[in-house]
């Protein structure tokens, strides 16, 4: 999994999503763009990918598209329209673009067994990240996950002050718990 942290300026969301889909198809990877305000860290997205792939492998996925299934898990929500709040929109947005060469839906089984397919997936991911970087919508590549907004994340994932006070778990751990709870809610 590769992450591209950047600022996007999107004039036409449908065209941008189509561009991501075309790059994903060309490089045999899954691409999903997230509003960086709702991503706590890399581990958050790694967990979402892991659980989405497991759901797909078991035939328990909610969405037909792997990128949307990853979005559902990352958002910790089963309803696609509620999960889309975590995605990008028209205008300027600090963004995290996830590019993953694991199971793209064609194989039916997640990659990541340490076999020779991993080197190919890494090369495909790198090429896809480069292609995304070249899109006109990418106005700057810059860190977007270095300082998570705890208030925004707590509100989005419905993590209360009482919950934070009752545990010494980090916000990252609590968000990953919300991601994992989607599995239980099914």
N, C-alpha and C. Protein backbone atom coordinates (compact mmCIF):
# COMPACT_ATOMS: atom_id res chain seq x y z
N UNK A 1 0.85 -1.17 0.00
CA UNK A 1 0.00 0.00 0.00
C UNK A 1 0.89 1.23 0.00
N UNK A 2 0.56 2.15 -0.90
CA UNK A 2 1.25 3.45 -0.96
C UNK A 2 0.25 4.54 -0.64
N UNK A 3 0.72 5.59 0.01
CA UNK A 3 -0.12 6.75 0.28
C UNK A 3 0.51 7.97 -0.37
N UNK A 4 -0.30 8.74 -1.05
CA UNK A 4 0.13 10.02 -1.60
C UNK A 4 -0.58 11.10 -0.80
N UNK A 5 0.20 11.86 -0.05
CA UNK A 5 -0.35 12.97 0.70
C UNK A 5 -0.21 14.21 -0.17
N UNK A 6 -1.32 14.90 -0.37
CA UNK A 6 -1.30 16.02 -1.31
C UNK A 6 -2.47 16.96 -1.06
N UNK A 7 -2.44 18.07 -1.78
CA UNK A 7 -3.59 18.96 -1.83
C UNK A 7 -4.17 18.86 -3.23
N UNK A 8 -5.47 18.64 -3.29
CA UNK A 8 -6.17 18.56 -4.57
C UNK A 8 -7.02 19.80 -4.76
N UNK A 9 -7.15 20.19 -6.01
CA UNK A 9 -8.11 21.22 -6.39
C UNK A 9 -8.95 20.61 -7.51
N UNK A 10 -10.16 20.20 -7.15
CA UNK A 10 -11.02 19.45 -8.06
C UNK A 10 -12.12 20.35 -8.60
N UNK A 11 -12.17 20.46 -9.92
CA UNK A 11 -13.23 21.23 -10.58
C UNK A 11 -14.43 20.35 -10.89
N UNK A 12 -14.17 19.11 -11.30
CA UNK A 12 -15.22 18.19 -11.72
C UNK A 12 -14.97 16.84 -11.02
N UNK A 13 -15.73 16.58 -9.97
CA UNK A 13 -15.50 15.38 -9.15
C UNK A 13 -15.67 14.10 -9.97
N UNK A 14 -16.69 14.03 -10.82
CA UNK A 14 -16.91 12.83 -11.62
C UNK A 14 -15.72 12.55 -12.54
N UNK A 15 -15.18 13.60 -13.16
CA UNK A 15 -14.03 13.43 -14.05
C UNK A 15 -12.80 12.98 -13.24
N UNK A 16 -12.63 13.54 -12.05
CA UNK A 16 -11.49 13.16 -11.20
C UNK A 16 -11.60 11.69 -10.80
N UNK A 17 -12.77 11.27 -10.37
CA UNK A 17 -12.99 9.86 -9.98
C UNK A 17 -12.76 8.94 -11.18
N UNK A 18 -13.20 9.36 -12.35
CA UNK A 18 -12.97 8.57 -13.57
C UNK A 18 -11.48 8.47 -13.87
N UNK A 19 -10.74 9.57 -13.68
CA UNK A 19 -9.28 9.53 -13.88
C UNK A 19 -8.62 8.55 -12.92
N UNK A 20 -9.03 8.56 -11.66
CA UNK A 20 -8.47 7.61 -10.68
C UNK A 20 -8.79 6.18 -11.10
N UNK A 21 -10.02 5.94 -11.54
CA UNK A 21 -10.42 4.60 -11.98
C UNK A 21 -9.60 4.13 -13.17
N UNK A 22 -9.35 5.03 -14.11
CA UNK A 22 -8.58 4.67 -15.30
C UNK A 22 -7.13 4.35 -14.91
N UNK A 23 -6.55 5.14 -14.01
CA UNK A 23 -5.18 4.87 -13.55
C UNK A 23 -5.15 3.54 -12.80
N UNK A 24 -6.14 3.29 -11.97
CA UNK A 24 -6.21 2.02 -11.24
C UNK A 24 -6.30 0.84 -12.19
N UNK A 25 -7.15 0.95 -13.20
CA UNK A 25 -7.28 -0.13 -14.19
C UNK A 25 -5.98 -0.34 -14.95
N UNK A 26 -5.35 0.76 -15.34
CA UNK A 26 -4.12 0.67 -16.13
C UNK A 26 -2.99 0.00 -15.35
N UNK A 27 -2.94 0.23 -14.05
CA UNK A 27 -1.85 -0.31 -13.23
C UNK A 27 -2.28 -1.48 -12.35
N UNK A 28 -3.52 -1.94 -12.51
CA UNK A 28 -4.05 -3.06 -11.75
C UNK A 28 -3.94 -2.84 -10.24
N UNK A 29 -4.38 -1.65 -9.82
CA UNK A 29 -4.38 -1.29 -8.40
C UNK A 29 -5.73 -0.69 -8.04
N UNK A 30 -5.99 -0.62 -6.76
CA UNK A 30 -7.16 0.07 -6.24
C UNK A 30 -6.72 1.43 -5.75
N UNK A 31 -7.48 2.45 -6.11
CA UNK A 31 -7.17 3.82 -5.68
C UNK A 31 -8.40 4.40 -5.00
N UNK A 32 -8.17 5.01 -3.84
CA UNK A 32 -9.25 5.70 -3.13
C UNK A 32 -8.67 6.98 -2.54
N UNK A 33 -9.36 8.09 -2.72
CA UNK A 33 -8.93 9.38 -2.19
C UNK A 33 -9.77 9.72 -0.96
N UNK A 34 -9.08 10.19 0.09
CA UNK A 34 -9.73 10.53 1.35
C UNK A 34 -9.43 11.98 1.71
N UNK A 35 -10.41 12.65 2.28
CA UNK A 35 -10.19 13.95 2.90
C UNK A 35 -9.30 13.67 4.11
N UNK A 36 -8.12 14.27 4.14
CA UNK A 36 -7.12 13.97 5.19
C UNK A 36 -7.61 14.30 6.59
N UNK A 37 -8.62 15.17 6.71
CA UNK A 37 -9.13 15.49 8.05
C UNK A 37 -9.69 14.27 8.76
N UNK A 38 -10.12 13.26 7.99
CA UNK A 38 -10.78 12.10 8.57
C UNK A 38 -9.90 10.85 8.62
N UNK A 39 -8.61 11.02 8.35
CA UNK A 39 -7.67 9.90 8.42
C UNK A 39 -6.70 10.19 9.56
N UNK A 40 -6.67 9.30 10.54
CA UNK A 40 -5.83 9.56 11.71
C UNK A 40 -4.36 9.26 11.43
N UNK A 41 -4.08 8.20 10.65
CA UNK A 41 -2.70 7.84 10.33
C UNK A 41 -2.69 6.69 9.33
N UNK A 42 -1.50 6.26 8.95
CA UNK A 42 -1.34 5.18 7.99
C UNK A 42 -1.97 3.88 8.50
N UNK A 43 -1.79 3.59 9.79
CA UNK A 43 -2.32 2.35 10.36
C UNK A 43 -3.85 2.27 10.21
N UNK A 44 -4.51 3.40 10.26
CA UNK A 44 -5.96 3.48 10.07
C UNK A 44 -6.33 2.91 8.70
N UNK A 45 -5.63 3.36 7.66
CA UNK A 45 -5.95 2.90 6.30
C UNK A 45 -5.48 1.46 6.07
N UNK A 46 -4.36 1.08 6.67
CA UNK A 46 -3.90 -0.31 6.55
C UNK A 46 -4.95 -1.27 7.11
N UNK A 47 -5.51 -0.92 8.25
CA UNK A 47 -6.54 -1.76 8.88
C UNK A 47 -7.80 -1.82 8.01
N UNK A 48 -8.18 -0.69 7.43
CA UNK A 48 -9.36 -0.66 6.55
C UNK A 48 -9.15 -1.56 5.34
N UNK A 49 -7.97 -1.53 4.74
CA UNK A 49 -7.67 -2.38 3.58
C UNK A 49 -7.72 -3.85 3.99
N UNK A 50 -7.10 -4.16 5.11
CA UNK A 50 -7.08 -5.55 5.60
C UNK A 50 -8.50 -6.09 5.81
N UNK A 51 -9.34 -5.32 6.47
CA UNK A 51 -10.70 -5.79 6.75
C UNK A 51 -11.57 -5.82 5.50
N UNK A 52 -11.38 -4.86 4.60
CA UNK A 52 -12.14 -4.87 3.35
C UNK A 52 -11.77 -6.10 2.53
N UNK A 53 -10.48 -6.40 2.44
CA UNK A 53 -10.05 -7.58 1.69
C UNK A 53 -10.58 -8.87 2.30
N UNK A 54 -10.60 -8.91 3.62
CA UNK A 54 -11.14 -10.11 4.29
C UNK A 54 -12.62 -10.26 3.98
N UNK A 55 -13.37 -9.17 4.03
CA UNK A 55 -14.81 -9.23 3.72
C UNK A 55 -15.03 -9.68 2.28
N UNK A 56 -14.24 -9.16 1.36
CA UNK A 56 -14.37 -9.54 -0.05
C UNK A 56 -14.04 -11.02 -0.24
N UNK A 57 -12.97 -11.48 0.39
CA UNK A 57 -12.57 -12.89 0.26
C UNK A 57 -13.65 -13.83 0.81
N UNK A 58 -14.37 -13.38 1.84
CA UNK A 58 -15.43 -14.19 2.45
C UNK A 58 -16.77 -14.01 1.75
N UNK A 59 -16.84 -13.10 0.79
CA UNK A 59 -18.11 -12.81 0.13
C UNK A 59 -19.06 -12.03 1.01
N UNK A 60 -18.53 -11.32 2.00
CA UNK A 60 -19.35 -10.57 2.94
C UNK A 60 -19.30 -9.07 2.70
N UNK A 61 -18.75 -8.66 1.56
CA UNK A 61 -18.61 -7.24 1.28
C UNK A 61 -19.97 -6.59 1.04
N UNK A 62 -20.05 -5.31 1.40
CA UNK A 62 -21.26 -4.52 1.20
C UNK A 62 -21.24 -3.91 -0.20
N UNK A 63 -20.08 -3.41 -0.61
CA UNK A 63 -19.94 -2.75 -1.91
C UNK A 63 -19.40 -3.72 -2.96
N UNK A 64 -19.74 -3.46 -4.22
CA UNK A 64 -19.21 -4.28 -5.31
C UNK A 64 -17.78 -3.88 -5.67
N UNK A 65 -17.44 -2.63 -5.42
CA UNK A 65 -16.14 -2.09 -5.79
C UNK A 65 -15.21 -2.11 -4.57
N UNK A 66 -13.97 -2.62 -4.77
CA UNK A 66 -13.02 -2.72 -3.66
C UNK A 66 -12.71 -1.36 -3.06
N UNK A 67 -12.55 -0.33 -3.89
CA UNK A 67 -12.24 1.01 -3.38
C UNK A 67 -13.35 1.51 -2.46
N UNK A 68 -14.59 1.25 -2.82
CA UNK A 68 -15.72 1.67 -1.99
C UNK A 68 -15.76 0.85 -0.70
N UNK A 69 -15.46 -0.44 -0.79
CA UNK A 69 -15.42 -1.27 0.42
C UNK A 69 -14.35 -0.76 1.38
N UNK A 70 -13.20 -0.37 0.86
CA UNK A 70 -12.13 0.20 1.69
C UNK A 70 -12.63 1.49 2.34
N UNK A 71 -13.33 2.32 1.57
CA UNK A 71 -13.88 3.56 2.10
C UNK A 71 -14.86 3.29 3.24
N UNK A 72 -15.72 2.29 3.07
CA UNK A 72 -16.68 1.94 4.12
C UNK A 72 -15.96 1.57 5.41
N UNK A 73 -14.93 0.74 5.30
CA UNK A 73 -14.19 0.35 6.50
C UNK A 73 -13.43 1.53 7.09
N UNK A 74 -12.79 2.33 6.26
CA UNK A 74 -12.04 3.48 6.77
C UNK A 74 -12.96 4.43 7.53
N UNK A 75 -14.18 4.59 7.04
CA UNK A 75 -15.15 5.48 7.68
C UNK A 75 -15.86 4.81 8.86
N UNK A 76 -15.77 3.49 8.94
CA UNK A 76 -16.47 2.79 10.01
C UNK A 76 -17.98 2.85 9.86
N UNK A 77 -18.44 2.89 8.60
CA UNK A 77 -19.87 3.02 8.32
C UNK A 77 -20.29 2.04 7.24
N UNK A 78 -21.49 1.51 7.36
CA UNK A 78 -22.01 0.57 6.36
C UNK A 78 -22.72 1.27 5.21
N UNK A 79 -23.23 2.48 5.44
CA UNK A 79 -23.96 3.19 4.40
C UNK A 79 -22.98 3.96 3.53
N UNK A 80 -23.01 3.70 2.24
CA UNK A 80 -22.05 4.31 1.32
C UNK A 80 -22.17 5.83 1.34
N UNK A 81 -23.39 6.37 1.34
CA UNK A 81 -23.51 7.82 1.30
C UNK A 81 -22.97 8.47 2.57
N UNK A 82 -23.04 7.80 3.70
CA UNK A 82 -22.44 8.35 4.94
C UNK A 82 -20.93 8.23 4.89
N UNK A 83 -20.41 7.15 4.31
CA UNK A 83 -18.96 6.97 4.20
C UNK A 83 -18.35 7.98 3.23
N UNK A 84 -19.13 8.39 2.23
CA UNK A 84 -18.62 9.33 1.24
C UNK A 84 -18.23 10.68 1.85
N UNK A 85 -18.72 10.97 3.05
CA UNK A 85 -18.31 12.19 3.75
C UNK A 85 -16.79 12.22 3.92
N UNK A 86 -16.18 11.06 3.98
CA UNK A 86 -14.75 10.92 4.19
C UNK A 86 -13.97 11.09 2.89
N UNK A 87 -14.67 11.08 1.78
CA UNK A 87 -14.02 11.21 0.48
C UNK A 87 -13.74 12.66 0.15
N UNK A 88 -13.24 12.88 -1.05
CA UNK A 88 -12.93 14.24 -1.50
C UNK A 88 -14.14 14.82 -2.23
N UNK A 89 -14.12 16.13 -2.40
CA UNK A 89 -15.21 16.82 -3.08
C UNK A 89 -14.60 17.91 -3.96
N UNK A 90 -15.45 18.59 -4.69
CA UNK A 90 -14.96 19.67 -5.53
C UNK A 90 -14.42 20.79 -4.66
N UNK A 91 -13.43 21.49 -5.18
CA UNK A 91 -12.75 22.54 -4.42
C UNK A 91 -11.39 22.04 -3.98
N UNK A 92 -10.78 22.79 -3.08
CA UNK A 92 -9.43 22.43 -2.61
C UNK A 92 -9.54 21.62 -1.33
N UNK A 93 -8.84 20.50 -1.29
CA UNK A 93 -8.91 19.58 -0.16
C UNK A 93 -7.53 18.99 0.13
N UNK A 94 -7.15 19.02 1.41
CA UNK A 94 -5.94 18.27 1.82
C UNK A 94 -6.34 16.81 1.81
N UNK A 95 -5.56 16.00 1.13
CA UNK A 95 -5.99 14.66 0.76
C UNK A 95 -4.94 13.61 1.06
N UNK A 96 -5.42 12.39 1.24
CA UNK A 96 -4.57 11.20 1.26
C UNK A 96 -5.13 10.28 0.18
N UNK A 97 -4.31 9.94 -0.80
CA UNK A 97 -4.72 9.03 -1.85
C UNK A 97 -4.07 7.68 -1.57
N UNK A 98 -4.90 6.67 -1.36
CA UNK A 98 -4.45 5.31 -1.10
C UNK A 98 -4.34 4.58 -2.44
N UNK A 99 -3.22 3.93 -2.65
CA UNK A 99 -3.00 3.11 -3.85
C UNK A 99 -2.57 1.74 -3.35
N UNK A 100 -3.34 0.72 -3.68
CA UNK A 100 -3.03 -0.62 -3.18
C UNK A 100 -3.11 -1.65 -4.29
N UNK A 101 -2.03 -2.40 -4.44
CA UNK A 101 -1.96 -3.43 -5.48
C UNK A 101 -2.33 -4.81 -4.99
N UNK A 102 -2.94 -4.88 -3.82
CA UNK A 102 -3.40 -6.17 -3.31
C UNK A 102 -4.55 -6.68 -4.16
N UNK A 103 -5.48 -7.35 -3.57
CA UNK A 103 -6.61 -7.90 -4.30
C UNK A 103 -7.43 -6.78 -4.92
N UNK A 104 -7.46 -6.73 -6.23
CA UNK A 104 -8.21 -5.69 -6.93
C UNK A 104 -9.57 -6.18 -7.36
N UNK A 105 -9.94 -7.37 -6.91
CA UNK A 105 -11.24 -7.91 -7.27
C UNK A 105 -11.13 -8.91 -8.40
N UNK A 106 -10.04 -8.84 -9.16
CA UNK A 106 -9.86 -9.77 -10.26
C UNK A 106 -9.38 -11.13 -9.78
N UNK A 107 -8.61 -11.11 -8.70
CA UNK A 107 -8.03 -12.36 -8.21
C UNK A 107 -8.93 -13.06 -7.21
N UNK A 108 -9.69 -12.27 -6.45
CA UNK A 108 -10.57 -12.85 -5.46
C UNK A 108 -9.90 -13.14 -4.13
N UNK A 109 -8.56 -13.04 -4.07
CA UNK A 109 -7.84 -13.31 -2.84
C UNK A 109 -6.85 -12.18 -2.61
N UNK A 110 -6.77 -11.64 -1.42
CA UNK A 110 -5.83 -10.56 -1.17
C UNK A 110 -4.39 -10.98 -1.43
N UNK A 111 -3.61 -10.06 -2.03
CA UNK A 111 -2.18 -10.27 -2.18
C UNK A 111 -1.55 -10.00 -0.83
N UNK A 112 -0.30 -10.33 -0.67
CA UNK A 112 0.37 -10.02 0.58
C UNK A 112 0.91 -11.26 1.25
N UNK A 113 1.05 -12.34 0.51
CA UNK A 113 1.57 -13.57 1.09
C UNK A 113 3.09 -13.60 1.09
N UNK A 114 3.72 -12.51 0.67
CA UNK A 114 5.17 -12.46 0.65
C UNK A 114 5.75 -13.08 -0.59
N UNK A 115 4.92 -13.51 -1.52
CA UNK A 115 5.41 -14.16 -2.73
C UNK A 115 5.90 -13.16 -3.74
N UNK A 116 6.23 -13.65 -4.93
CA UNK A 116 6.81 -12.80 -5.96
C UNK A 116 5.82 -11.76 -6.47
N UNK A 117 4.53 -11.94 -6.22
CA UNK A 117 3.54 -10.96 -6.63
C UNK A 117 3.69 -9.63 -5.91
N UNK A 118 4.32 -9.65 -4.73
CA UNK A 118 4.49 -8.41 -3.97
C UNK A 118 5.38 -7.42 -4.69
N UNK A 119 6.46 -7.86 -5.33
CA UNK A 119 7.34 -6.95 -6.07
C UNK A 119 6.58 -6.32 -7.23
N UNK A 120 5.77 -7.10 -7.91
CA UNK A 120 4.97 -6.57 -9.01
C UNK A 120 3.96 -5.57 -8.47
N UNK A 121 3.32 -5.90 -7.36
CA UNK A 121 2.34 -4.97 -6.76
C UNK A 121 3.02 -3.67 -6.36
N UNK A 122 4.22 -3.75 -5.78
CA UNK A 122 4.95 -2.55 -5.39
C UNK A 122 5.25 -1.68 -6.60
N UNK A 123 5.68 -2.29 -7.69
CA UNK A 123 5.98 -1.53 -8.91
C UNK A 123 4.72 -0.91 -9.49
N UNK A 124 3.61 -1.66 -9.48
CA UNK A 124 2.33 -1.15 -9.97
C UNK A 124 1.86 0.03 -9.11
N UNK A 125 2.01 -0.10 -7.80
CA UNK A 125 1.62 0.97 -6.89
C UNK A 125 2.44 2.23 -7.15
N UNK A 126 3.75 2.07 -7.28
CA UNK A 126 4.62 3.22 -7.52
C UNK A 126 4.27 3.92 -8.83
N UNK A 127 4.01 3.13 -9.88
CA UNK A 127 3.65 3.71 -11.18
C UNK A 127 2.31 4.44 -11.09
N UNK A 128 1.37 3.87 -10.34
CA UNK A 128 0.06 4.51 -10.19
C UNK A 128 0.17 5.80 -9.39
N UNK A 129 0.98 5.79 -8.33
CA UNK A 129 1.18 7.02 -7.54
C UNK A 129 1.76 8.11 -8.44
N UNK A 130 2.73 7.75 -9.26
CA UNK A 130 3.32 8.72 -10.19
C UNK A 130 2.26 9.27 -11.13
N UNK A 131 1.41 8.41 -11.66
CA UNK A 131 0.35 8.85 -12.57
C UNK A 131 -0.65 9.77 -11.87
N UNK A 132 -1.00 9.46 -10.64
CA UNK A 132 -1.92 10.32 -9.88
C UNK A 132 -1.26 11.68 -9.64
N UNK A 133 0.01 11.67 -9.30
CA UNK A 133 0.74 12.91 -9.05
C UNK A 133 0.70 13.84 -10.26
N UNK A 134 0.66 13.26 -11.44
CA UNK A 134 0.67 14.05 -12.67
C UNK A 134 -0.70 14.62 -13.05
N UNK A 135 -1.76 14.22 -12.34
CA UNK A 135 -3.09 14.77 -12.64
C UNK A 135 -3.13 16.27 -12.35
N UNK A 136 -3.87 16.99 -13.15
CA UNK A 136 -3.99 18.45 -12.99
C UNK A 136 -4.58 18.82 -11.63
N UNK A 137 -5.40 17.95 -11.05
CA UNK A 137 -6.03 18.25 -9.76
C UNK A 137 -5.03 18.29 -8.61
N UNK A 138 -3.87 17.67 -8.76
CA UNK A 138 -2.86 17.66 -7.70
C UNK A 138 -2.09 18.97 -7.77
N UNK A 139 -2.35 19.85 -6.82
CA UNK A 139 -1.68 21.16 -6.83
C UNK A 139 -0.42 21.18 -5.98
N UNK A 140 -0.30 20.24 -5.04
CA UNK A 140 0.90 20.16 -4.21
C UNK A 140 0.98 18.78 -3.57
N UNK A 141 2.18 18.23 -3.51
CA UNK A 141 2.40 17.03 -2.72
C UNK A 141 3.09 17.49 -1.44
N UNK A 142 2.43 17.21 -0.34
CA UNK A 142 2.90 17.69 0.95
C UNK A 142 2.29 16.82 2.04
N UNK A 143 2.93 16.76 3.20
CA UNK A 143 2.37 15.97 4.30
C UNK A 143 0.98 16.46 4.69
N UNK A 144 0.06 15.54 4.85
CA UNK A 144 -1.30 15.89 5.28
C UNK A 144 -1.73 15.12 6.52
N UNK A 145 -0.91 14.18 6.95
CA UNK A 145 -1.27 13.36 8.12
C UNK A 145 -0.43 13.67 9.36
N UNK A 146 0.47 14.66 9.26
CA UNK A 146 1.40 14.90 10.35
C UNK A 146 0.76 15.43 11.62
N UNK A 147 -0.34 16.17 11.50
CA UNK A 147 -1.00 16.74 12.67
C UNK A 147 -2.50 16.49 12.61
N UNK A 148 -2.96 15.30 13.01
CA UNK A 148 -4.39 15.02 12.94
C UNK A 148 -5.19 15.96 13.86
N UNK A 149 -6.34 16.38 13.39
CA UNK A 149 -7.24 17.24 14.15
C UNK A 149 -8.10 16.32 15.03
N UNK A 150 -7.72 16.23 16.29
CA UNK A 150 -8.38 15.30 17.21
C UNK A 150 -9.86 15.61 17.38
N UNK A 151 -10.22 16.88 17.38
CA UNK A 151 -11.63 17.25 17.56
C UNK A 151 -12.47 16.77 16.37
N UNK A 152 -11.97 17.00 15.16
CA UNK A 152 -12.68 16.57 13.95
C UNK A 152 -12.79 15.06 13.90
N UNK A 153 -11.70 14.37 14.19
CA UNK A 153 -11.70 12.90 14.16
C UNK A 153 -12.64 12.33 15.22
N UNK A 154 -12.59 12.89 16.41
CA UNK A 154 -13.48 12.41 17.49
C UNK A 154 -14.94 12.59 17.11
N UNK A 155 -15.27 13.73 16.51
CA UNK A 155 -16.65 13.97 16.10
C UNK A 155 -17.06 13.01 14.99
N UNK A 156 -16.22 12.84 13.98
CA UNK A 156 -16.56 11.99 12.84
C UNK A 156 -16.75 10.53 13.27
N UNK A 157 -15.86 10.05 14.14
CA UNK A 157 -15.92 8.65 14.57
C UNK A 157 -16.72 8.47 15.87
N UNK A 158 -17.37 9.54 16.32
CA UNK A 158 -18.23 9.51 17.51
C UNK A 158 -17.50 8.96 18.73
N UNK A 159 -16.31 9.49 18.95
CA UNK A 159 -15.51 9.13 20.12
C UNK A 159 -15.70 10.25 21.14
N UNK A 160 -16.32 9.92 22.25
CA UNK A 160 -16.68 10.93 23.25
C UNK A 160 -15.51 11.23 24.19
N UNK A 161 -15.62 12.37 24.87
CA UNK A 161 -14.62 12.73 25.87
C UNK A 161 -14.60 11.68 26.98
N UNK A 162 -15.78 11.17 27.33
CA UNK A 162 -15.87 10.15 28.38
C UNK A 162 -15.11 8.89 27.97
N UNK A 163 -15.27 8.51 26.70
CA UNK A 163 -14.55 7.34 26.21
C UNK A 163 -13.04 7.58 26.25
N UNK A 164 -12.62 8.77 25.81
CA UNK A 164 -11.19 9.10 25.83
C UNK A 164 -10.66 9.09 27.25
N UNK A 165 -11.48 9.57 28.20
CA UNK A 165 -11.06 9.63 29.59
C UNK A 165 -11.01 8.27 30.26
N UNK A 166 -11.75 7.31 29.74
CA UNK A 166 -11.84 5.99 30.36
C UNK A 166 -10.73 5.05 29.90
N UNK A 167 -9.89 5.49 28.98
CA UNK A 167 -8.85 4.60 28.45
C UNK A 167 -7.57 5.38 28.22
N UNK A 168 -6.48 4.66 28.21
CA UNK A 168 -5.22 5.31 27.86
C UNK A 168 -4.87 5.02 26.40
N UNK A 169 -5.82 4.45 25.66
CA UNK A 169 -5.60 4.16 24.24
C UNK A 169 -5.48 5.47 23.45
N UNK A 170 -4.64 5.44 22.45
CA UNK A 170 -4.46 6.62 21.59
C UNK A 170 -5.69 6.83 20.72
N UNK A 171 -5.80 8.03 20.16
CA UNK A 171 -6.89 8.30 19.23
C UNK A 171 -6.79 7.36 18.03
N UNK A 172 -5.59 7.09 17.57
CA UNK A 172 -5.39 6.16 16.46
C UNK A 172 -5.97 4.79 16.79
N UNK A 173 -5.71 4.30 17.99
CA UNK A 173 -6.22 2.99 18.40
C UNK A 173 -7.75 3.00 18.47
N UNK A 174 -8.32 4.09 18.95
CA UNK A 174 -9.78 4.19 19.05
C UNK A 174 -10.42 4.26 17.66
N UNK A 175 -9.79 4.96 16.73
CA UNK A 175 -10.32 5.01 15.37
C UNK A 175 -10.23 3.62 14.72
N UNK A 176 -9.11 2.94 14.90
CA UNK A 176 -8.97 1.58 14.34
C UNK A 176 -9.99 0.63 14.96
N UNK A 177 -10.36 0.87 16.21
CA UNK A 177 -11.41 0.07 16.85
C UNK A 177 -12.74 0.30 16.14
N UNK A 178 -13.03 1.56 15.79
CA UNK A 178 -14.27 1.86 15.05
C UNK A 178 -14.29 1.16 13.70
N UNK A 179 -13.13 1.15 13.05
CA UNK A 179 -12.99 0.48 11.76
C UNK A 179 -13.28 -1.01 11.93
N UNK A 180 -12.72 -1.61 12.96
CA UNK A 180 -12.93 -3.04 13.20
C UNK A 180 -14.37 -3.34 13.62
N UNK A 181 -15.03 -2.41 14.29
CA UNK A 181 -16.41 -2.62 14.74
C UNK A 181 -17.38 -2.75 13.58
N UNK A 182 -17.02 -2.20 12.41
CA UNK A 182 -17.89 -2.35 11.25
C UNK A 182 -18.10 -3.83 10.95
N UNK A 183 -17.07 -4.63 11.17
CA UNK A 183 -17.14 -6.08 10.94
C UNK A 183 -18.20 -6.71 11.87
N UNK A 184 -18.24 -6.25 13.11
CA UNK A 184 -19.17 -6.79 14.10
C UNK A 184 -20.59 -6.37 13.78
N UNK A 185 -20.77 -5.16 13.25
CA UNK A 185 -22.11 -4.63 12.99
C UNK A 185 -22.79 -5.31 11.81
N UNK A 186 -22.06 -6.03 10.98
CA UNK A 186 -22.66 -6.63 9.78
C UNK A 186 -23.70 -7.63 10.12
